[in-house]
């Protein structure tokens, strides 16, 4: 289980959540929490279940392509 924090306007978080649900097995989605101060941004927390394979609609198993994650100093080490 992995937790992901979204940060953006409430509308942005509502737009991206269904898109993430198409890619990941989303277990739970929190209510939006307002950021501190006078920010218009909110935080939404998602819990996802990692699965290396997903079932396609017809029941066949398909593999998702791996994403390349980069940071400023270079590529992250392999898992």
PDB file of N, CA and C in Angstrom:
ATOM      1  N   UNK A   1       0.841  -1.165   0.000  1.00  0.00           N
ATOM      2  CA  UNK A   1       0.000   0.000   0.000  1.00  0.00           C
ATOM      3  C   UNK A   1       0.895   1.239   0.000  1.00  0.00           C
ATOM      4  N   UNK A   2       0.556   2.184  -0.842  1.00  0.00           N
ATOM      5  CA  UNK A   2       1.314   3.424  -0.967  1.00  0.00           C
ATOM      6  C   UNK A   2       0.348   4.585  -0.786  1.00  0.00           C
ATOM      7  N   UNK A   3       0.802   5.635  -0.116  1.00  0.00           N
ATOM      8  CA  UNK A   3      -0.001   6.842   0.049  1.00  0.00           C
ATOM      9  C   UNK A   3       0.568   7.939  -0.831  1.00  0.00           C
ATOM     10  N   UNK A   4      -0.325   8.645  -1.519  1.00  0.00           N
ATOM     11  CA  UNK A   4       0.065   9.728  -2.415  1.00  0.00           C
ATOM     12  C   UNK A   4      -0.654  10.987  -1.960  1.00  0.00           C
ATOM     13  N   UNK A   5       0.075  12.098  -1.905  1.00  0.00           N
ATOM     14  CA  UNK A   5      -0.545  13.375  -1.559  1.00  0.00           C
ATOM     15  C   UNK A   5      -0.653  14.216  -2.820  1.00  0.00           C
ATOM     16  N   UNK A   6      -1.861  14.666  -3.116  1.00  0.00           N
ATOM     17  CA  UNK A   6      -2.092  15.604  -4.205  1.00  0.00           C
ATOM     18  C   UNK A   6      -2.181  16.993  -3.605  1.00  0.00           C
ATOM     19  N   UNK A   7      -1.650  17.970  -4.295  1.00  0.00           N
ATOM     20  CA  UNK A   7      -1.755  19.351  -3.845  1.00  0.00           C
ATOM     21  C   UNK A   7      -2.087  20.207  -5.048  1.00  0.00           C
ATOM     22  N   UNK A   8      -3.151  20.967  -4.940  1.00  0.00           N
ATOM     23  CA  UNK A   8      -3.602  21.837  -6.015  1.00  0.00           C
ATOM     24  C   UNK A   8      -4.900  22.485  -5.608  1.00  0.00           C
ATOM     25  N   UNK A   9      -5.560  23.110  -6.558  1.00  0.00           N
ATOM     26  CA  UNK A   9      -6.879  23.636  -6.250  1.00  0.00           C
ATOM     27  C   UNK A   9      -7.822  22.444  -6.085  1.00  0.00           C
ATOM     28  N   UNK A  10      -8.949  22.682  -5.437  1.00  0.00           N
ATOM     29  CA  UNK A  10      -9.890  21.579  -5.238  1.00  0.00           C
ATOM     30  C   UNK A  10     -10.351  21.014  -6.586  1.00  0.00           C
ATOM     31  N   UNK A  11     -10.564  21.878  -7.561  1.00  0.00           N
ATOM     32  CA  UNK A  11     -10.985  21.442  -8.895  1.00  0.00           C
ATOM     33  C   UNK A  11      -9.897  20.585  -9.559  1.00  0.00           C
ATOM     34  N   UNK A  12      -8.629  20.984  -9.443  1.00  0.00           N
ATOM     35  CA  UNK A  12      -7.535  20.207 -10.031  1.00  0.00           C
ATOM     36  C   UNK A  12      -7.459  18.816  -9.412  1.00  0.00           C
ATOM     37  N   UNK A  13      -7.594  18.754  -8.088  1.00  0.00           N
ATOM     38  CA  UNK A  13      -7.534  17.457  -7.411  1.00  0.00           C
ATOM     39  C   UNK A  13      -8.699  16.568  -7.828  1.00  0.00           C
ATOM     40  N   UNK A  14      -9.877  17.171  -8.013  1.00  0.00           N
ATOM     41  CA  UNK A  14     -11.034  16.398  -8.461  1.00  0.00           C
ATOM     42  C   UNK A  14     -10.848  15.901  -9.888  1.00  0.00           C
ATOM     43  N   UNK A  15     -10.151  16.659 -10.722  1.00  0.00           N
ATOM     44  CA  UNK A  15      -9.928  16.261 -12.110  1.00  0.00           C
ATOM     45  C   UNK A  15      -8.909  15.129 -12.228  1.00  0.00           C
ATOM     46  N   UNK A  16      -7.860  15.171 -11.419  1.00  0.00           N
ATOM     47  CA  UNK A  16      -6.783  14.196 -11.578  1.00  0.00           C
ATOM     48  C   UNK A  16      -7.084  12.860 -10.888  1.00  0.00           C
ATOM     49  N   UNK A  17      -7.933  12.872  -9.871  1.00  0.00           N
ATOM     50  CA  UNK A  17      -8.210  11.645  -9.121  1.00  0.00           C
ATOM     51  C   UNK A  17      -8.755  10.526 -10.010  1.00  0.00           C
ATOM     52  N   UNK A  18      -9.759  10.764 -10.876  1.00  0.00           N
ATOM     53  CA  UNK A  18     -10.228   9.680 -11.745  1.00  0.00           C
ATOM     54  C   UNK A  18      -9.160   9.191 -12.728  1.00  0.00           C
ATOM     55  N   UNK A  19      -8.279  10.098 -13.148  1.00  0.00           N
ATOM     56  CA  UNK A  19      -7.202   9.694 -14.057  1.00  0.00           C
ATOM     57  C   UNK A  19      -6.234   8.754 -13.350  1.00  0.00           C
ATOM     58  N   UNK A  20      -5.931   9.039 -12.092  1.00  0.00           N
ATOM     59  CA  UNK A  20      -5.049   8.154 -11.325  1.00  0.00           C
ATOM     60  C   UNK A  20      -5.717   6.806 -11.075  1.00  0.00           C
ATOM     61  N   UNK A  21      -7.035   6.810 -10.910  1.00  0.00           N
ATOM     62  CA  UNK A  21      -7.765   5.563 -10.685  1.00  0.00           C
ATOM     63  C   UNK A  21      -7.739   4.657 -11.914  1.00  0.00           C
ATOM     64  N   UNK A  22      -7.511   5.228 -13.093  1.00  0.00           N
ATOM     65  CA  UNK A  22      -7.376   4.415 -14.302  1.00  0.00           C
ATOM     66  C   UNK A  22      -6.034   3.694 -14.342  1.00  0.00           C
ATOM     67  N   UNK A  23      -5.038   4.246 -13.664  1.00  0.00           N
ATOM     68  CA  UNK A  23      -3.686   3.696 -13.693  1.00  0.00           C
ATOM     69  C   UNK A  23      -3.404   2.826 -12.471  1.00  0.00           C
ATOM     70  N   UNK A  24      -3.932   3.229 -11.316  1.00  0.00           N
ATOM     71  CA  UNK A  24      -3.652   2.547 -10.058  1.00  0.00           C
ATOM     72  C   UNK A  24      -4.928   1.982  -9.452  1.00  0.00           C
ATOM     73  N   UNK A  25      -4.755   1.022  -8.564  1.00  0.00           N
ATOM     74  CA  UNK A  25      -5.857   0.465  -7.797  1.00  0.00           C
ATOM     75  C   UNK A  25      -6.032   1.351  -6.563  1.00  0.00           C
ATOM     76  N   UNK A  26      -6.915   2.356  -6.654  1.00  0.00           N
ATOM     77  CA  UNK A  26      -7.112   3.325  -5.576  1.00  0.00           C
ATOM     78  C   UNK A  26      -7.997   2.694  -4.512  1.00  0.00           C
ATOM     79  N   UNK A  27      -7.483   2.639  -3.286  1.00  0.00           N
ATOM     80  CA  UNK A  27      -8.198   2.037  -2.166  1.00  0.00           C
ATOM     81  C   UNK A  27      -9.037   3.077  -1.441  1.00  0.00           C
ATOM     82  N   UNK A  28      -8.486   4.284  -1.225  1.00  0.00           N
ATOM     83  CA  UNK A  28      -9.243   5.322  -0.529  1.00  0.00           C
ATOM     84  C   UNK A  28      -8.791   6.704  -0.986  1.00  0.00           C
ATOM     85  N   UNK A  29      -9.723   7.658  -0.865  1.00  0.00           N
ATOM     86  CA  UNK A  29      -9.466   9.052  -1.215  1.00  0.00           C
ATOM     87  C   UNK A  29      -9.984   9.894  -0.060  1.00  0.00           C
ATOM     88  N   UNK A  30      -9.136  10.777   0.463  1.00  0.00           N
ATOM     89  CA  UNK A  30      -9.544  11.608   1.591  1.00  0.00           C
ATOM     90  C   UNK A  30     -10.361  12.802   1.108  1.00  0.00           C
ATOM     91  N   UNK A  31     -11.002  13.468   2.045  1.00  0.00           N
ATOM     92  CA  UNK A  31     -11.628  14.754   1.761  1.00  0.00           C
ATOM     93  C   UNK A  31     -10.518  15.775   1.559  1.00  0.00           C
ATOM     94  N   UNK A  32     -10.787  16.879   0.868  1.00  0.00           N
ATOM     95  CA  UNK A  32      -9.751  17.908   0.708  1.00  0.00           C
ATOM     96  C   UNK A  32      -9.484  18.639   2.022  1.00  0.00           C
ATOM     97  N   UNK A  33      -8.207  18.839   2.319  1.00  0.00           N
ATOM     98  CA  UNK A  33      -7.772  19.593   3.492  1.00  0.00           C
ATOM     99  C   UNK A  33      -7.178  20.913   3.010  1.00  0.00           C
ATOM    100  N   UNK A  34      -7.661  22.039   3.499  1.00  0.00           N
ATOM    101  CA  UNK A  34      -7.094  23.325   3.054  1.00  0.00           C
ATOM    102  C   UNK A  34      -5.659  23.493   3.540  1.00  0.00           C
ATOM    103  N   UNK A  35      -4.818  24.094   2.697  1.00  0.00           N
ATOM    104  CA  UNK A  35      -3.455  24.418   3.112  1.00  0.00           C
ATOM    105  C   UNK A  35      -3.496  25.543   4.133  1.00  0.00           C
ATOM    106  N   UNK A  36      -2.416  25.685   4.870  1.00  0.00           N
ATOM    107  CA  UNK A  36      -2.339  26.726   5.893  1.00  0.00           C
ATOM    108  C   UNK A  36      -2.238  28.112   5.272  1.00  0.00           C
ATOM    109  N   UNK A  37      -2.567  29.082   6.075  1.00  0.00           N
ATOM    110  CA  UNK A  37      -2.437  30.472   5.640  1.00  0.00           C
ATOM    111  C   UNK A  37      -3.535  30.846   4.666  1.00  0.00           C
ATOM    112  N   UNK A  38      -3.206  31.731   3.762  1.00  0.00           N
ATOM    113  CA  UNK A  38      -4.195  32.250   2.824  1.00  0.00           C
ATOM    114  C   UNK A  38      -4.147  31.535   1.482  1.00  0.00           C
ATOM    115  N   UNK A  39      -3.570  30.353   1.450  1.00  0.00           N
ATOM    116  CA  UNK A  39      -3.457  29.580   0.216  1.00  0.00           C
ATOM    117  C   UNK A  39      -4.835  29.134  -0.261  1.00  0.00           C
ATOM    118  N   UNK A  40      -5.013  29.106  -1.568  1.00  0.00           N
ATOM    119  CA  UNK A  40      -6.251  28.581  -2.156  1.00  0.00           C
ATOM    120  C   UNK A  40      -6.115  27.096  -2.461  1.00  0.00           C
ATOM    121  N   UNK A  41      -4.958  26.517  -2.151  1.00  0.00           N
ATOM    122  CA  UNK A  41      -4.711  25.124  -2.476  1.00  0.00           C
ATOM    123  C   UNK A  41      -5.211  24.200  -1.374  1.00  0.00           C
ATOM    124  N   UNK A  42      -5.471  22.945  -1.782  1.00  0.00           N
ATOM    125  CA  UNK A  42      -5.896  21.915  -0.841  1.00  0.00           C
ATOM    126  C   UNK A  42      -4.977  20.708  -1.003  1.00  0.00           C
ATOM    127  N   UNK A  43      -5.060  19.807  -0.031  1.00  0.00           N
ATOM    128  CA  UNK A  43      -4.346  18.535  -0.096  1.00  0.00           C
ATOM    129  C   UNK A  43      -5.372  17.415  -0.087  1.00  0.00           C
ATOM    130  N   UNK A  44      -5.146  16.431  -0.930  1.00  0.00           N
ATOM    131  CA  UNK A  44      -5.987  15.233  -0.974  1.00  0.00           C
ATOM    132  C   UNK A  44      -5.046  14.046  -0.905  1.00  0.00           C
ATOM    133  N   UNK A  45      -5.386  13.078  -0.060  1.00  0.00           N
ATOM    134  CA  UNK A  45      -4.533  11.912   0.133  1.00  0.00           C
ATOM    135  C   UNK A  45      -5.199  10.687  -0.485  1.00  0.00           C
ATOM    136  N   UNK A  46      -4.418   9.940  -1.268  1.00  0.00           N
ATOM    137  CA  UNK A  46      -4.901   8.712  -1.882  1.00  0.00           C
ATOM    138  C   UNK A  46      -4.097   7.550  -1.335  1.00  0.00           C
ATOM    139  N   UNK A  47      -4.748   6.437  -1.122  1.00  0.00           N
ATOM    140  CA  UNK A  47      -4.055   5.183  -0.818  1.00  0.00           C
ATOM    141  C   UNK A  47      -4.233   4.301  -2.029  1.00  0.00           C
ATOM    142  N   UNK A  48      -3.118   3.783  -2.526  1.00  0.00           N
ATOM    143  CA  UNK A  48      -3.191   2.907  -3.694  1.00  0.00           C
ATOM    144  C   UNK A  48      -2.550   1.573  -3.365  1.00  0.00           C
ATOM    145  N   UNK A  49      -3.052   0.552  -4.013  1.00  0.00           N
ATOM    146  CA  UNK A  49      -2.483  -0.784  -3.890  1.00  0.00           C
ATOM    147  C   UNK A  49      -1.643  -1.014  -5.138  1.00  0.00           C
ATOM    148  N   UNK A  50      -0.385  -1.335  -4.932  1.00  0.00           N
ATOM    149  CA  UNK A  50       0.503  -1.598  -6.061  1.00  0.00           C
ATOM    150  C   UNK A  50       0.229  -2.984  -6.617  1.00  0.00           C
ATOM    151  N   UNK A  51       0.178  -3.050  -7.919  1.00  0.00           N
ATOM    152  CA  UNK A  51      -0.058  -4.311  -8.603  1.00  0.00           C
ATOM    153  C   UNK A  51       0.724  -4.251  -9.903  1.00  0.00           C
ATOM    154  N   UNK A  52       1.605  -5.197 -10.118  1.00  0.00           N
ATOM    155  CA  UNK A  52       2.425  -5.158 -11.333  1.00  0.00           C
ATOM    156  C   UNK A  52       1.623  -5.522 -12.570  1.00  0.00           C
ATOM    157  N   UNK A  53       0.468  -6.130 -12.367  1.00  0.00           N
ATOM    158  CA  UNK A  53      -0.383  -6.497 -13.493  1.00  0.00           C
ATOM    159  C   UNK A  53      -1.806  -6.079 -13.200  1.00  0.00           C
ATOM    160  N   UNK A  54      -2.531  -5.684 -14.245  1.00  0.00           N
ATOM    161  CA  UNK A  54      -3.952  -5.350 -14.115  1.00  0.00           C
ATOM    162  C   UNK A  54      -4.743  -6.227 -15.059  1.00  0.00           C
ATOM    163  N   UNK A  55      -5.951  -6.502 -14.677  1.00  0.00           N
ATOM    164  CA  UNK A  55      -6.824  -7.278 -15.535  1.00  0.00           C
ATOM    165  C   UNK A  55      -7.490  -6.345 -16.546  1.00  0.00           C
ATOM    166  N   UNK A  56      -7.426  -6.704 -17.806  1.00  0.00           N
ATOM    167  CA  UNK A  56      -8.117  -5.936 -18.833  1.00  0.00           C
ATOM    168  C   UNK A  56      -9.612  -6.276 -18.753  1.00  0.00           C
ATOM    169  N   UNK A  57     -10.423  -5.487 -19.404  1.00  0.00           N
ATOM    170  CA  UNK A  57     -11.866  -5.704 -19.350  1.00  0.00           C
ATOM    171  C   UNK A  57     -12.267  -7.093 -19.838  1.00  0.00           C
ATOM    172  N   UNK A  58     -11.521  -7.642 -20.790  1.00  0.00           N
ATOM    173  CA  UNK A  58     -11.879  -8.954 -21.325  1.00  0.00           C
ATOM    174  C   UNK A  58     -11.301 -10.098 -20.489  1.00  0.00           C
ATOM    175  N   UNK A  59     -10.641  -9.783 -19.392  1.00  0.00           N
ATOM    176  CA  UNK A  59     -10.115 -10.819 -18.508  1.00  0.00           C
ATOM    177  C   UNK A  59      -8.668 -11.192 -18.784  1.00  0.00           C
ATOM    178  N   UNK A  60      -8.095 -10.710 -19.864  1.00  0.00           N
ATOM    179  CA  UNK A  60      -6.700 -11.017 -20.164  1.00  0.00           C
ATOM    180  C   UNK A  60      -5.789 -10.165 -19.290  1.00  0.00           C
ATOM    181  N   UNK A  61      -4.652 -10.704 -18.924  1.00  0.00           N
ATOM    182  CA  UNK A  61      -3.694  -9.973 -18.110  1.00  0.00           C
ATOM    183  C   UNK A  61      -2.815  -9.129 -19.014  1.00  0.00           C
ATOM    184  N   UNK A  62      -2.673  -7.852 -18.676  1.00  0.00           N
ATOM    185  CA  UNK A  62      -1.805  -6.957 -19.438  1.00  0.00           C
ATOM    186  C   UNK A  62      -0.814  -6.321 -18.493  1.00  0.00           C
ATOM    187  N   UNK A  63       0.392  -6.070 -18.991  1.00  0.00           N
ATOM    188  CA  UNK A  63       1.415  -5.417 -18.176  1.00  0.00           C
ATOM    189  C   UNK A  63       1.417  -3.944 -18.485  1.00  0.00           C
ATOM    190  N   UNK A  64       1.524  -3.131 -17.429  1.00  0.00           N
ATOM    191  CA  UNK A  64       1.628  -1.692 -17.611  1.00  0.00           C
ATOM    192  C   UNK A  64       3.076  -1.341 -17.924  1.00  0.00           C
ATOM    193  N   UNK A  65       3.297  -0.353 -18.779  1.00  0.00           N
ATOM    194  CA  UNK A  65       4.671   0.084 -19.021  1.00  0.00           C
ATOM    195  C   UNK A  65       5.241   0.737 -17.768  1.00  0.00           C
ATOM    196  N   UNK A  66       6.544   0.556 -17.560  1.00  0.00           N
ATOM    197  CA  UNK A  66       7.207   1.160 -16.400  1.00  0.00           C
ATOM    198  C   UNK A  66       7.487   2.617 -16.694  1.00  0.00           C
ATOM    199  N   UNK A  67       7.318   3.442 -15.700  1.00  0.00           N
ATOM    200  CA  UNK A  67       7.597   4.868 -15.838  1.00  0.00           C
ATOM    201  C   UNK A  67       9.044   5.131 -15.434  1.00  0.00           C
ATOM    202  N   UNK A  68       9.667   6.083 -16.084  1.00  0.00           N
ATOM    203  CA  UNK A  68      11.008   6.506 -15.701  1.00  0.00           C
ATOM    204  C   UNK A  68      10.863   7.705 -14.783  1.00  0.00           C
ATOM    205  N   UNK A  69      11.367   7.574 -13.574  1.00  0.00           N
ATOM    206  CA  UNK A  69      11.284   8.648 -12.593  1.00  0.00           C
ATOM    207  C   UNK A  69      12.654   9.292 -12.512  1.00  0.00           C
ATOM    208  N   UNK A  70      12.688  10.591 -12.659  1.00  0.00           N
ATOM    209  CA  UNK A  70      13.956  11.310 -12.617  1.00  0.00           C
ATOM    210  C   UNK A  70      13.915  12.357 -11.526  1.00  0.00           C
ATOM    211  N   UNK A  71      15.062  12.662 -10.995  1.00  0.00           N
ATOM    212  CA  UNK A  71      15.197  13.764 -10.050  1.00  0.00           C
ATOM    213  C   UNK A  71      16.317  14.651 -10.549  1.00  0.00           C
ATOM    214  N   UNK A  72      16.527  15.783  -9.908  1.00  0.00           N
ATOM    215  CA  UNK A  72      17.486  16.770 -10.394  1.00  0.00           C
ATOM    216  C   UNK A  72      18.884  16.198 -10.559  1.00  0.00           C
ATOM    217  N   UNK A  73      19.324  15.335  -9.653  1.00  0.00           N
ATOM    218  CA  UNK A  73      20.685  14.808  -9.709  1.00  0.00           C
ATOM    219  C   UNK A  73      20.832  13.638 -10.684  1.00  0.00           C
ATOM    220  N   UNK A  74      19.765  13.164 -11.260  1.00  0.00           N
ATOM    221  CA  UNK A  74      19.838  12.057 -12.188  1.00  0.00           C
ATOM    222  C   UNK A  74      18.744  11.045 -11.932  1.00  0.00           C
ATOM    223  N   UNK A  75      18.856   9.899 -12.544  1.00  0.00           N
ATOM    224  CA  UNK A  75      17.836   8.885 -12.427  1.00  0.00           C
ATOM    225  C   UNK A  75      17.945   8.157 -11.070  1.00  0.00           C
ATOM    226  N   UNK A  76      16.782   7.781 -10.550  1.00  0.00           N
ATOM    227  CA  UNK A  76      16.764   7.034  -9.290  1.00  0.00           C
ATOM    228  C   UNK A  76      17.333   5.635  -9.494  1.00  0.00           C
ATOM    229  N   UNK A  77      17.905   5.024  -8.475  1.00  0.00           N
ATOM    230  CA  UNK A  77      18.420   3.667  -8.632  1.00  0.00           C
ATOM    231  C   UNK A  77      17.278   2.685  -8.857  1.00  0.00           C
ATOM    232  N   UNK A  78      17.544   1.544  -9.509  1.00  0.00           N
ATOM    233  CA  UNK A  78      16.489   0.566  -9.763  1.00  0.00           C
ATOM    234  C   UNK A  78      15.971  -0.009  -8.456  1.00  0.00           C
ATOM    235  N   UNK A  79      14.691  -0.453  -8.448  1.00  0.00           N
ATOM    236  CA  UNK A  79      14.107  -1.011  -7.218  1.00  0.00           C
ATOM    237  C   UNK A  79      14.732  -2.331  -6.822  1.00  0.00           C
TER     238      UNK A  79
END
